Amino acid sequence: MIRLAISTVHPDKVDLLMAWLAELQLRADEVRETFRQGGVTHEQAYLLRATGEPTLVYATEAKNHHRAREALRSSRLPIDLEHNAVLGYTLAGPGRAELLYDVRAPDSAA
């Protein structure tokens, strides 16, 4: 299942967030270790600048999102500690979005 997290970004911290996400791409092996611990299969991050404030859209695919969140919270991997710190520093709060469409195949897990 795919989940989206939508957060506003402090405008003066956009460059730091972008640098961190670029670093994650370079540290893909470490990211995949985090995936293994939490059952995540795929992540993507998008920065939207079309509205008044920059917005991060973070997509995560996992079979069990509760397990993935708990694994990230309890992880002692350096990359997870850094990730939590950077997001905590750069994100201003939850973004606003309205779900307009959501259909699943009958055989997919809810």
Foldseek 3Di string as FASTA:
>chain_A
DKDKFKFFWDQVCVVVVVVLVVVCVVVVVLVVVLCVQQQWDDKDWDWDDPDPTIMIIIMTDGPDVVSSVVSLVPDPPPSSVVVVVSCVVTTDGGDDDDDDDDDDDPPDDD
